[in-house]
Protein backbone atom coordinates (compact mmCIF):
# COMPACT_ATOMS: atom_id res chain seq x y z
CA MET A 1 -3.16 -18.17 0.49
CA ALA A 2 -6.64 -16.92 0.84
CA GLY A 3 -7.83 -13.51 2.10
CA PRO A 4 -8.89 -10.42 0.56
CA ILE A 5 -5.81 -8.23 -1.11
CA PHE A 6 -6.69 -4.84 -1.25
CA ASP A 7 -3.68 -2.93 -3.34
CA SER A 8 -3.87 0.56 -1.70
CA HIS A 9 -1.27 1.44 -4.66
CA ALA A 10 -1.06 0.56 -8.54
CA HIS A 11 -0.46 2.11 -11.92
CA TYR A 12 -1.96 -0.31 -14.13
CA LEU A 13 -1.92 2.66 -16.69
CA SER A 14 1.73 2.08 -17.03
CA ARG A 15 2.64 0.86 -20.68
CA GLN A 16 3.76 -2.32 -19.53
CA PHE A 17 0.49 -3.47 -19.44
CA ASP A 18 -0.37 -2.26 -22.61
CA GLY A 19 -0.55 -6.03 -24.14
CA ASP A 20 -2.76 -7.26 -21.21
CA ARG A 21 -4.30 -4.91 -19.44
CA GLN A 22 -8.04 -6.53 -20.35
CA GLN A 23 -7.40 -9.94 -19.18
CA LEU A 24 -5.29 -9.13 -16.39
CA LEU A 25 -7.78 -6.79 -14.81
CA GLU A 26 -10.20 -9.28 -15.07
CA SER A 27 -8.19 -12.27 -13.49
CA LEU A 28 -7.95 -10.31 -10.33
CA PRO A 29 -11.00 -11.22 -8.59
CA ALA A 30 -10.77 -14.67 -8.59
CA ALA A 31 -6.80 -14.21 -7.36
CA GLY A 32 -8.77 -12.77 -4.37
CA VAL A 33 -8.44 -8.88 -5.18
CA ALA A 34 -11.06 -6.84 -3.40
CA GLY A 35 -9.55 -3.65 -4.15
CA VAL A 36 -6.98 -1.14 -5.90
CA VAL A 37 -6.11 2.37 -5.89
CA GLU A 38 -5.36 3.64 -9.52
CA CYS A 39 -2.87 6.48 -8.64
CA ALA A 40 -2.15 9.03 -11.25
CA THR A 41 0.62 11.11 -12.29
CA ASP A 42 -1.07 14.42 -14.28
CA LEU A 43 -4.13 15.20 -15.60
CA ALA A 44 -3.77 12.30 -18.79
CA THR A 45 -3.49 9.75 -15.84
CA SER A 46 -6.10 10.93 -13.57
CA LYS A 47 -8.44 11.17 -16.53
CA GLY A 48 -7.27 7.63 -17.29
CA ALA A 49 -7.31 6.21 -14.03
CA VAL A 50 -11.19 8.07 -13.49
CA ALA A 51 -11.83 5.86 -16.45
CA LEU A 52 -10.63 2.44 -15.13
CA ALA A 53 -13.02 2.85 -11.77
CA ALA A 54 -15.41 3.66 -14.12
CA ALA A 55 -14.96 0.01 -16.03
CA TRP A 56 -14.20 -1.99 -13.25
CA PRO A 57 -16.39 -2.34 -10.15
CA PHE A 58 -13.05 -2.96 -7.49
CA VAL A 59 -11.03 -0.23 -9.30
CA TRP A 60 -10.53 3.45 -7.32
CA ALA A 61 -9.39 6.47 -8.58
CA ALA A 62 -6.61 8.77 -7.27
CA VAL A 63 -5.53 11.78 -8.98
CA GLY A 64 -3.18 14.34 -8.67
CA ILE A 65 0.33 15.52 -9.83
CA HIS A 66 3.34 13.32 -9.05
CA PRO A 67 6.63 15.30 -8.64
CA GLU A 68 8.37 13.70 -11.23
CA SER A 69 5.54 14.75 -13.95
CA LEU A 70 7.49 18.26 -13.50
CA ILE A 71 10.71 17.39 -15.38
CA GLU A 72 9.28 14.50 -17.69
CA SER A 73 9.18 15.83 -20.98
CA ASP A 74 5.65 13.08 -21.82
CA ALA A 75 3.81 14.49 -19.06
CA SER A 76 0.52 16.83 -19.25
CA THR A 77 2.49 18.92 -17.19
CA ASN A 78 4.60 19.69 -19.72
CA ALA A 79 3.51 18.38 -22.75
CA GLU A 80 -0.11 19.77 -22.33
CA PHE A 81 0.46 22.70 -19.38
CA ALA A 82 4.26 23.74 -20.48
CA GLY A 83 4.96 23.54 -17.05
CA ASP A 84 1.97 25.22 -15.48
CA TRP A 85 1.26 23.00 -12.70
CA LYS A 86 -1.35 25.39 -11.27
CA ALA A 87 -3.34 25.36 -14.66
CA GLU A 88 -3.21 21.70 -14.02
CA LEU A 89 -4.07 21.21 -10.88
CA ALA A 90 -6.96 23.42 -11.86
CA ALA A 91 -8.00 20.84 -14.25
CA ILE A 92 -7.34 18.26 -11.87
CA ALA A 93 -9.46 19.61 -9.24
CA PRO A 94 -13.03 18.59 -10.86
CA LEU A 95 -12.14 15.06 -11.18
CA LEU A 96 -11.99 15.02 -7.15
CA GLU A 97 -15.80 15.41 -7.22
CA GLN A 98 -16.37 12.02 -9.11
CA ASN A 99 -17.87 9.31 -6.88
CA LYS A 100 -14.48 6.84 -7.38
CA VAL A 101 -12.56 8.91 -6.73
CA VAL A 102 -11.00 8.59 -3.43
CA ALA A 103 -7.86 10.29 -2.56
CA VAL A 104 -5.43 12.93 -3.95
CA GLY A 105 -2.64 11.33 -5.54
CA GLU A 106 0.27 10.23 -6.09
CA ILE A 107 1.90 13.46 -4.81
CA GLY A 108 4.64 14.32 -2.56
CA LEU A 109 8.32 15.14 -3.03
CA ASP A 110 11.23 13.19 -5.00
CA TYR A 111 15.00 14.58 -4.53
CA HIS A 112 16.22 11.28 -5.66
CA TRP A 113 15.62 13.06 -9.27
CA PRO A 114 16.76 16.54 -10.20
CA ILE A 115 13.71 18.06 -9.74
CA PRO A 116 13.64 21.85 -8.63
CA LYS A 117 12.93 21.62 -4.93
CA GLU A 118 11.13 24.89 -4.90
CA ALA A 119 8.45 23.62 -6.95
CA GLN A 120 7.92 20.35 -5.89
CA LEU A 121 7.38 21.92 -2.35
CA GLU A 122 4.99 24.56 -4.05
CA LEU A 123 3.18 21.98 -5.81
CA PHE A 124 3.01 19.31 -2.78
CA GLU A 125 1.61 21.80 -0.52
CA ALA A 126 -0.83 23.16 -2.78
CA GLN A 127 -2.26 19.64 -3.13
CA ILE A 128 -2.00 19.00 0.46
CA ARG A 129 -4.44 22.24 0.81
CA LEU A 130 -6.93 20.89 -1.74
CA ALA A 131 -7.20 17.52 -0.23
CA LEU A 132 -8.54 19.09 3.18
CA GLU A 133 -10.91 21.38 1.29
CA LEU A 134 -12.47 18.62 -0.21
CA ASP A 135 -11.79 16.53 2.62
CA LYS A 136 -10.05 13.72 0.83
CA PRO A 137 -6.88 11.77 1.44
CA VAL A 138 -3.52 12.16 0.12
CA ILE A 139 -1.20 9.17 -1.02
CA VAL A 140 1.97 10.68 -0.18
CA HIS A 141 5.61 9.60 -2.39
CA ASP A 142 8.55 10.31 -0.39
CA ARG A 143 11.55 9.50 -1.95
CA GLN A 144 14.98 11.23 -0.15
CA ALA A 145 12.78 13.69 1.36
CA HIS A 146 11.98 12.70 4.73
CA ALA A 147 12.58 15.78 6.48
CA ASP A 148 10.56 18.11 4.14
CA ALA A 149 8.22 15.63 3.54
CA TYR A 150 7.06 15.47 7.26
CA ALA A 151 7.02 19.04 8.00
CA LEU A 152 4.37 19.81 5.80
CA LEU A 153 2.73 16.41 7.00
CA LYS A 154 2.96 18.20 10.73
CA LYS A 155 1.91 21.14 9.52
CA TYR A 156 -1.34 20.67 7.48
CA ARG A 157 -1.95 16.91 9.36
CA PRO A 158 -4.33 15.69 6.26
CA LYS A 159 -5.61 12.40 6.47
CA GLY A 160 -3.72 9.82 4.09
CA VAL A 161 -1.03 7.12 3.60
CA LEU A 162 2.70 7.21 2.97
CA HIS A 163 3.35 4.88 0.41
CA CYS A 164 6.51 2.50 -0.40
CA PHE A 165 7.53 3.48 3.37
CA SER A 166 11.23 3.62 4.30
CA GLY A 167 11.64 6.14 6.83
CA ALA A 168 12.40 5.09 10.54
CA ALA A 169 10.21 3.09 13.05
CA GLU A 170 10.11 6.22 15.13
CA ASP A 171 8.69 8.62 12.39
CA ALA A 172 6.17 5.94 11.81
CA ALA A 173 4.97 6.05 15.24
CA TRP A 174 4.63 9.67 15.05
CA LEU A 175 2.81 9.69 11.59
CA THR A 176 0.50 6.93 12.76
CA ALA A 177 -0.32 9.21 15.98
CA GLN A 178 -1.24 12.00 13.81
CA GLY A 179 -3.73 9.77 11.99
CA LEU A 180 -1.78 8.76 9.46
CA TYR A 181 -1.66 5.35 7.74
CA ILE A 182 1.97 3.37 6.32
CA GLY A 183 1.76 1.39 3.08
CA PHE A 184 4.19 -1.23 2.50
CA GLY A 185 5.11 -3.16 -1.01
CA GLY A 186 7.40 -5.51 -2.19
CA ALA A 187 10.40 -3.50 -0.94
CA VAL A 188 10.01 -4.36 2.25
CA THR A 189 10.83 -8.03 1.24
CA PHE A 190 14.21 -6.83 -0.33
CA LYS A 191 17.44 -7.96 1.35
CA GLY A 192 18.46 -4.22 2.23
CA ALA A 193 15.36 -3.64 3.38
CA LYS A 194 16.38 -3.21 7.04
CA ARG A 195 15.02 0.06 8.13
CA ALA A 196 11.42 -0.49 6.37
CA VAL A 197 11.37 -3.80 8.26
CA LYS A 198 11.42 -2.41 11.61
CA ALA A 199 8.75 0.13 10.49
CA ALA A 200 6.95 -2.46 9.66
CA ALA A 201 6.80 -4.32 12.88
CA ALA A 202 6.20 -1.10 14.59
CA VAL A 203 3.19 -0.02 13.19
CA PRO A 204 -0.24 -0.22 14.41
CA PRO A 205 -2.48 -2.73 13.07
CA ASP A 206 -4.96 -0.20 12.41
CA LYS A 207 -2.75 1.83 10.24
CA LEU A 208 -1.44 -0.74 8.12
CA LEU A 209 -1.84 -0.65 4.34
CA LEU A 210 -0.03 -3.22 1.48
CA GLU A 211 0.49 -2.07 -2.18
CA THR A 212 1.87 -2.94 -5.17
CA ASP A 213 3.23 0.19 -6.78
CA CYS A 214 2.56 -2.26 -9.95
CA PRO A 215 3.84 -2.72 -12.40
CA TYR A 216 7.05 -1.72 -10.43
CA MET A 217 8.73 -3.61 -7.07
CA ALA A 218 7.90 -6.61 -7.53
CA PRO A 219 8.30 -8.87 -3.96
CA GLU A 220 10.76 -11.18 -3.10
CA PRO A 221 10.73 -14.09 -4.66
CA CYS A 222 9.52 -12.57 -7.76
CA ARG A 223 11.97 -9.74 -7.45
CA GLY A 224 12.50 -8.52 -11.29
CA THR A 225 9.40 -9.49 -12.79
CA ARG A 226 6.49 -7.28 -13.75
CA CYS A 227 4.33 -7.05 -10.62
CA ASP A 228 0.62 -6.98 -10.19
CA SER A 229 -1.80 -6.79 -7.18
CA ARG A 230 -1.79 -10.79 -7.02
CA LEU A 231 1.85 -10.52 -5.90
CA ILE A 232 1.01 -8.93 -2.24
CA ALA A 233 0.52 -12.52 -1.20
CA HIS A 234 4.18 -12.52 -1.14
CA THR A 235 4.27 -9.53 0.54
CA ALA A 236 1.59 -10.24 3.12
CA ALA A 237 3.41 -13.52 3.86
CA PHE A 238 6.48 -11.72 4.39
CA LEU A 239 5.17 -9.29 6.87
CA ALA A 240 2.77 -11.68 8.67
CA ASP A 241 6.03 -13.00 9.42
CA VAL A 242 7.86 -10.18 10.83
CA ARG A 243 5.13 -9.14 13.06
CA GLY A 244 4.04 -12.94 14.48
CA VAL A 245 0.29 -13.18 12.64
CA GLU A 246 -1.21 -15.28 10.19
CA ALA A 247 -0.85 -13.44 6.75
CA GLU A 248 -4.70 -14.10 6.02
CA ARG A 249 -5.28 -12.17 9.07
CA LEU A 250 -2.70 -9.31 7.67
CA LEU A 251 -4.94 -9.28 4.55
CA GLN A 252 -7.99 -9.04 6.33
CA THR A 253 -6.85 -5.67 8.31
CA ALA A 254 -5.08 -4.19 5.47
CA CYS A 255 -8.27 -4.63 4.05
CA GLN A 256 -10.64 -3.23 6.41
CA ASN A 257 -7.63 -0.26 7.21
CA ALA A 258 -7.94 0.61 3.01
CA ARG A 259 -11.83 0.69 3.15
CA ALA A 260 -11.49 2.66 5.95
CA LEU A 261 -8.95 5.04 4.88
CA PHE A 262 -10.62 5.46 1.35
CA GLY A 263 -14.52 5.89 2.90
CA LEU A 264 -15.78 2.81 0.97
CA GLY A 265 -17.95 1.85 3.89
């Protein structure tokens, strides 16, 4: 399938790519990949994302603190800052001034894991406020936390994207009406993803983004393998069928949308 692939959410700094990162990234443009946003989870990966974006013309960086970093011992939130996320966020903030840093992310709420809720909410709110101050979009992680995530998005009305969207079509309707984008990855192709498929059918064309969350969540028929940006072709084919459009057209639209959201001209 031809058509530009823009992966609005990737983690190429993951250890799963340590063996072949350079070769894989080199191969992406020839496979139709026009853009990738590398999403950070703490200060260390924020610096790494900035370095990756500097090295590859088609890669941009998002910097921020993921809620899971609050409890992961090897995240710089704990390894370097002893849990003081405010100090870590102060160290991340200057990175947002760099020209290939296009968003605050990956940030949000995760109620699947036993992470203290109050700390998550404070951290998410602080990062939304930082994004608003600097006029940057947010890349939002919302896992089993819809009510609280939506409340903050309603309160602050940031620009940005809800990545790997798992909410209802009705939620997608008001979120996009508020100006937010909705990102879909390989999980939408899974058999159990009926709610996400309904949402994917309902999202306005100018608010739809495609993503991988690679190395995770490879789409059918590659489920269970290591994911990379090329596999968006499968997700696009699936969603094109759901939406009654050509896959080529869907890829073009999603690429234009990503460029619009991230200010890439």
